[in-house]
Amino acid sequence: MEKTYAATRRKGSAAVQRNLLSLESGTVPEPVRSELKRRLLEIEAGYRDVAQKMGQLYMYADQQGLALLNRYLDRPMRNASDNERAVVSILDELQLNAGRHPTGSN
């Protein structure tokens, strides 16, 4: 029951975030939207870099027989992956809303 409630709450929260961005998109000037997109792309690239470095750390620890270290790295790796997906979702929503926004309007 607890997992179902938590999953429902997360889905509901994501829907609320999307709706807020949709409502707000009509009031955000294009230069601001472009800057938000640029910054989100930088963050996304940073997450990819971290994931690559974590993968290298995993492989090195595995080669050295450090299974316990890899178990400790599992949670931060999952959290980073979840955070990356959240940023990509926000970026996707921003791009979708920009596409729906009539050209020349603010």
N, C-alpha and C. Protein backbone atom coordinates (compact mmCIF):
# COMPACT_ATOMS: atom_id res chain seq x y z
N MET A 1 0.82 -1.20 0.00
CA MET A 1 0.00 0.00 0.00
C MET A 1 0.86 1.25 0.00
N GLU A 2 1.93 1.24 0.80
CA GLU A 2 2.81 2.40 0.91
C GLU A 2 3.46 2.73 -0.43
N LYS A 3 3.95 1.70 -1.14
CA LYS A 3 4.60 1.93 -2.43
C LYS A 3 3.61 2.53 -3.43
N THR A 4 2.39 2.04 -3.44
CA THR A 4 1.38 2.54 -4.35
C THR A 4 1.10 4.01 -4.08
N TYR A 5 0.96 4.37 -2.82
CA TYR A 5 0.70 5.76 -2.45
C TYR A 5 1.86 6.65 -2.89
N ALA A 6 3.10 6.21 -2.61
CA ALA A 6 4.28 7.01 -2.97
C ALA A 6 4.38 7.17 -4.48
N ALA A 7 4.13 6.10 -5.22
CA ALA A 7 4.19 6.17 -6.69
C ALA A 7 3.12 7.12 -7.22
N THR A 8 1.93 7.03 -6.66
CA THR A 8 0.83 7.91 -7.08
C THR A 8 1.17 9.36 -6.78
N ARG A 9 1.76 9.60 -5.61
CA ARG A 9 2.13 10.95 -5.22
C ARG A 9 3.18 11.53 -6.16
N ARG A 10 4.19 10.70 -6.54
CA ARG A 10 5.23 11.16 -7.47
C ARG A 10 4.63 11.49 -8.82
N LYS A 11 3.74 10.61 -9.32
CA LYS A 11 3.11 10.86 -10.62
C LYS A 11 2.27 12.13 -10.57
N GLY A 12 1.54 12.31 -9.49
CA GLY A 12 0.72 13.50 -9.33
C GLY A 12 1.58 14.75 -9.27
N SER A 13 2.70 14.66 -8.57
CA SER A 13 3.61 15.79 -8.46
C SER A 13 4.20 16.15 -9.81
N ALA A 14 4.57 15.15 -10.60
CA ALA A 14 5.11 15.40 -11.94
C ALA A 14 4.07 16.07 -12.82
N ALA A 15 2.83 15.62 -12.72
CA ALA A 15 1.75 16.22 -13.52
C ALA A 15 1.53 17.67 -13.13
N VAL A 16 1.59 17.96 -11.85
CA VAL A 16 1.43 19.34 -11.37
C VAL A 16 2.55 20.21 -11.91
N GLN A 17 3.79 19.69 -11.87
CA GLN A 17 4.91 20.46 -12.39
C GLN A 17 4.72 20.76 -13.87
N ARG A 18 4.30 19.77 -14.64
CA ARG A 18 4.08 19.98 -16.07
C ARG A 18 3.00 21.02 -16.30
N ASN A 19 1.91 20.93 -15.55
CA ASN A 19 0.82 21.89 -15.71
C ASN A 19 1.26 23.30 -15.35
N LEU A 20 2.05 23.44 -14.29
CA LEU A 20 2.53 24.76 -13.91
C LEU A 20 3.40 25.36 -15.00
N LEU A 21 4.28 24.54 -15.57
CA LEU A 21 5.13 25.04 -16.64
C LEU A 21 4.28 25.42 -17.85
N SER A 22 3.26 24.63 -18.14
CA SER A 22 2.38 24.93 -19.26
C SER A 22 1.65 26.25 -19.04
N LEU A 23 1.15 26.45 -17.84
CA LEU A 23 0.43 27.69 -17.54
C LEU A 23 1.37 28.89 -17.60
N GLU A 24 2.59 28.69 -17.15
CA GLU A 24 3.53 29.79 -17.06
C GLU A 24 4.17 30.11 -18.41
N SER A 25 4.15 29.15 -19.34
CA SER A 25 4.88 29.34 -20.60
C SER A 25 4.40 30.55 -21.39
N GLY A 26 3.15 30.90 -21.27
CA GLY A 26 2.64 32.06 -22.01
C GLY A 26 3.17 33.37 -21.48
N THR A 27 3.68 33.39 -20.24
CA THR A 27 4.15 34.64 -19.65
C THR A 27 5.67 34.75 -19.65
N VAL A 28 6.36 33.72 -20.13
CA VAL A 28 7.82 33.73 -20.11
C VAL A 28 8.33 34.22 -21.46
N PRO A 29 9.04 35.34 -21.48
CA PRO A 29 9.57 35.86 -22.76
C PRO A 29 10.56 34.87 -23.38
N GLU A 30 10.64 34.89 -24.69
CA GLU A 30 11.51 33.96 -25.42
C GLU A 30 12.97 34.01 -24.96
N PRO A 31 13.56 35.19 -24.72
CA PRO A 31 14.96 35.19 -24.25
C PRO A 31 15.15 34.45 -22.92
N VAL A 32 14.15 34.55 -22.06
CA VAL A 32 14.21 33.85 -20.77
C VAL A 32 14.11 32.35 -21.00
N ARG A 33 13.19 31.94 -21.85
CA ARG A 33 13.02 30.53 -22.17
C ARG A 33 14.30 29.96 -22.78
N SER A 34 14.94 30.72 -23.65
CA SER A 34 16.20 30.29 -24.27
C SER A 34 17.30 30.12 -23.23
N GLU A 35 17.37 31.05 -22.28
CA GLU A 35 18.38 30.96 -21.22
C GLU A 35 18.11 29.76 -20.32
N LEU A 36 16.85 29.52 -20.00
CA LEU A 36 16.50 28.34 -19.19
C LEU A 36 16.94 27.07 -19.91
N LYS A 37 16.66 27.01 -21.20
CA LYS A 37 17.04 25.85 -22.00
C LYS A 37 18.55 25.67 -21.99
N ARG A 38 19.30 26.75 -22.19
CA ARG A 38 20.76 26.68 -22.20
C ARG A 38 21.29 26.12 -20.88
N ARG A 39 20.75 26.62 -19.78
CA ARG A 39 21.21 26.18 -18.46
C ARG A 39 20.84 24.72 -18.20
N LEU A 40 19.64 24.33 -18.61
CA LEU A 40 19.23 22.93 -18.45
C LEU A 40 20.12 22.00 -19.27
N LEU A 41 20.49 22.42 -20.47
CA LEU A 41 21.39 21.62 -21.30
C LEU A 41 22.75 21.47 -20.64
N GLU A 42 23.24 22.52 -20.00
CA GLU A 42 24.51 22.44 -19.26
C GLU A 42 24.41 21.43 -18.12
N ILE A 43 23.32 21.48 -17.40
CA ILE A 43 23.11 20.56 -16.28
C ILE A 43 23.03 19.13 -16.80
N GLU A 44 22.29 18.92 -17.88
CA GLU A 44 22.17 17.59 -18.47
C GLU A 44 23.55 17.05 -18.87
N ALA A 45 24.37 17.88 -19.48
CA ALA A 45 25.72 17.47 -19.87
C ALA A 45 26.55 17.11 -18.64
N GLY A 46 26.37 17.86 -17.57
CA GLY A 46 27.07 17.56 -16.31
C GLY A 46 26.67 16.21 -15.76
N TYR A 47 25.37 15.89 -15.79
CA TYR A 47 24.91 14.59 -15.31
C TYR A 47 25.50 13.46 -16.15
N ARG A 48 25.57 13.66 -17.48
CA ARG A 48 26.16 12.63 -18.35
C ARG A 48 27.63 12.41 -17.99
N ASP A 49 28.34 13.51 -17.72
CA ASP A 49 29.75 13.42 -17.34
C ASP A 49 29.91 12.66 -16.02
N VAL A 50 29.07 12.98 -15.06
CA VAL A 50 29.13 12.29 -13.77
C VAL A 50 28.83 10.80 -13.95
N ALA A 51 27.83 10.47 -14.76
CA ALA A 51 27.48 9.07 -14.98
C ALA A 51 28.66 8.31 -15.60
N GLN A 52 29.35 8.95 -16.53
CA GLN A 52 30.51 8.31 -17.16
C GLN A 52 31.61 8.08 -16.14
N LYS A 53 31.87 9.07 -15.30
CA LYS A 53 32.90 8.93 -14.27
C LYS A 53 32.52 7.88 -13.24
N MET A 54 31.24 7.83 -12.86
CA MET A 54 30.78 6.80 -11.92
C MET A 54 30.97 5.42 -12.53
N GLY A 55 30.67 5.27 -13.82
CA GLY A 55 30.86 4.00 -14.50
C GLY A 55 32.32 3.57 -14.48
N GLN A 56 33.21 4.51 -14.70
CA GLN A 56 34.64 4.21 -14.65
C GLN A 56 35.05 3.79 -13.25
N LEU A 57 34.52 4.47 -12.25
CA LEU A 57 34.80 4.12 -10.85
C LEU A 57 34.28 2.71 -10.55
N TYR A 58 33.07 2.41 -11.00
CA TYR A 58 32.51 1.06 -10.83
C TYR A 58 33.45 0.01 -11.40
N MET A 59 33.88 0.23 -12.66
CA MET A 59 34.73 -0.76 -13.32
C MET A 59 36.06 -0.92 -12.58
N TYR A 60 36.65 0.18 -12.16
CA TYR A 60 37.92 0.11 -11.45
C TYR A 60 37.75 -0.63 -10.12
N ALA A 61 36.71 -0.27 -9.38
CA ALA A 61 36.47 -0.94 -8.10
C ALA A 61 36.22 -2.43 -8.31
N ASP A 62 35.51 -2.78 -9.38
CA ASP A 62 35.25 -4.18 -9.69
C ASP A 62 36.56 -4.91 -10.01
N GLN A 63 37.41 -4.28 -10.80
CA GLN A 63 38.71 -4.88 -11.13
C GLN A 63 39.57 -5.11 -9.88
N GLN A 64 39.39 -4.25 -8.91
CA GLN A 64 40.17 -4.35 -7.67
C GLN A 64 39.50 -5.24 -6.63
N GLY A 65 38.35 -5.83 -6.99
CA GLY A 65 37.64 -6.72 -6.07
C GLY A 65 36.94 -6.00 -4.93
N LEU A 66 36.52 -4.77 -5.15
CA LEU A 66 35.88 -3.97 -4.11
C LEU A 66 34.36 -3.97 -4.28
N ALA A 67 33.77 -5.12 -4.11
CA ALA A 67 32.32 -5.27 -4.29
C ALA A 67 31.54 -4.42 -3.29
N LEU A 68 32.05 -4.29 -2.08
CA LEU A 68 31.35 -3.49 -1.07
C LEU A 68 31.27 -2.02 -1.50
N LEU A 69 32.33 -1.49 -2.06
CA LEU A 69 32.31 -0.12 -2.55
C LEU A 69 31.24 0.04 -3.64
N ASN A 70 31.16 -0.91 -4.55
CA ASN A 70 30.15 -0.83 -5.60
C ASN A 70 28.74 -0.86 -5.03
N ARG A 71 28.53 -1.64 -3.97
CA ARG A 71 27.20 -1.64 -3.34
C ARG A 71 26.87 -0.28 -2.75
N TYR A 72 27.87 0.37 -2.16
CA TYR A 72 27.65 1.71 -1.61
C TYR A 72 27.41 2.74 -2.71
N LEU A 73 27.95 2.51 -3.88
CA LEU A 73 27.79 3.44 -4.99
C LEU A 73 26.44 3.29 -5.69
N ASP A 74 25.76 2.17 -5.46
CA ASP A 74 24.48 1.94 -6.14
C ASP A 74 23.47 3.05 -5.90
N ARG A 75 23.29 3.44 -4.67
CA ARG A 75 22.27 4.45 -4.35
C ARG A 75 22.58 5.82 -4.97
N PRO A 76 23.82 6.35 -4.79
CA PRO A 76 24.10 7.63 -5.44
C PRO A 76 23.97 7.56 -6.96
N MET A 77 24.30 6.41 -7.53
CA MET A 77 24.18 6.26 -8.98
C MET A 77 22.71 6.31 -9.39
N ARG A 78 21.84 5.63 -8.65
CA ARG A 78 20.40 5.67 -8.95
C ARG A 78 19.85 7.08 -8.77
N ASN A 79 20.27 7.76 -7.70
CA ASN A 79 19.79 9.13 -7.46
C ASN A 79 20.22 10.05 -8.59
N ALA A 80 21.46 9.92 -9.04
CA ALA A 80 21.94 10.76 -10.14
C ALA A 80 21.13 10.48 -11.41
N SER A 81 20.82 9.21 -11.63
CA SER A 81 20.04 8.84 -12.80
C SER A 81 18.63 9.42 -12.72
N ASP A 82 18.02 9.36 -11.55
CA ASP A 82 16.68 9.94 -11.36
C ASP A 82 16.71 11.45 -11.57
N ASN A 83 17.74 12.10 -11.05
CA ASN A 83 17.88 13.55 -11.22
C ASN A 83 18.07 13.91 -12.69
N GLU A 84 18.87 13.13 -13.40
CA GLU A 84 19.08 13.39 -14.82
C GLU A 84 17.76 13.27 -15.58
N ARG A 85 16.98 12.23 -15.29
CA ARG A 85 15.69 12.06 -15.95
C ARG A 85 14.77 13.23 -15.65
N ALA A 86 14.79 13.74 -14.42
CA ALA A 86 13.95 14.88 -14.06
C ALA A 86 14.34 16.12 -14.86
N VAL A 87 15.64 16.36 -15.01
CA VAL A 87 16.11 17.51 -15.78
C VAL A 87 15.72 17.37 -17.24
N VAL A 88 15.88 16.17 -17.79
CA VAL A 88 15.51 15.93 -19.19
C VAL A 88 14.01 16.14 -19.37
N SER A 89 13.21 15.72 -18.41
CA SER A 89 11.77 15.91 -18.47
C SER A 89 11.40 17.40 -18.48
N ILE A 90 12.07 18.17 -17.64
CA ILE A 90 11.82 19.61 -17.60
C ILE A 90 12.23 20.24 -18.93
N LEU A 91 13.37 19.83 -19.44
CA LEU A 91 13.84 20.36 -20.73
C LEU A 91 12.87 20.01 -21.84
N ASP A 92 12.39 18.77 -21.86
CA ASP A 92 11.41 18.36 -22.88
C ASP A 92 10.15 19.21 -22.79
N GLU A 93 9.66 19.42 -21.58
CA GLU A 93 8.45 20.22 -21.39
C GLU A 93 8.67 21.66 -21.83
N LEU A 94 9.83 22.19 -21.53
CA LEU A 94 10.15 23.55 -21.94
C LEU A 94 10.17 23.66 -23.47
N GLN A 95 10.75 22.66 -24.13
CA GLN A 95 10.80 22.67 -25.58
C GLN A 95 9.42 22.49 -26.20
N LEU A 96 8.60 21.62 -25.61
CA LEU A 96 7.24 21.43 -26.10
C LEU A 96 6.43 22.71 -25.98
N ASN A 97 6.53 23.36 -24.84
CA ASN A 97 5.79 24.60 -24.63
C ASN A 97 6.27 25.71 -25.54
N ALA A 98 7.55 25.75 -25.82
CA ALA A 98 8.09 26.76 -26.74
C ALA A 98 7.52 26.52 -28.14
N GLY A 99 7.35 25.25 -28.52
CA GLY A 99 6.79 24.92 -29.82
C GLY A 99 5.33 25.30 -29.94
N ARG A 100 4.60 25.25 -28.83
CA ARG A 100 3.17 25.62 -28.83
C ARG A 100 2.97 27.12 -28.75
N HIS A 101 3.99 27.83 -28.31
CA HIS A 101 3.91 29.28 -28.12
C HIS A 101 3.98 29.98 -29.47
N PRO A 102 3.00 30.78 -29.82
CA PRO A 102 3.00 31.45 -31.13
C PRO A 102 4.25 32.33 -31.29
N THR A 103 4.83 32.30 -32.48
CA THR A 103 6.01 33.10 -32.78
C THR A 103 5.67 34.59 -32.67
N GLY A 104 6.58 35.32 -32.03
CA GLY A 104 6.40 36.77 -31.91
C GLY A 104 5.60 37.18 -30.70
N SER A 105 5.01 36.24 -29.94
CA SER A 105 4.23 36.59 -28.74
C SER A 105 5.09 36.43 -27.52
N ASN A 106 4.74 37.12 -26.44
CA ASN A 106 5.43 36.98 -25.17
C ASN A 106 4.49 36.50 -24.11
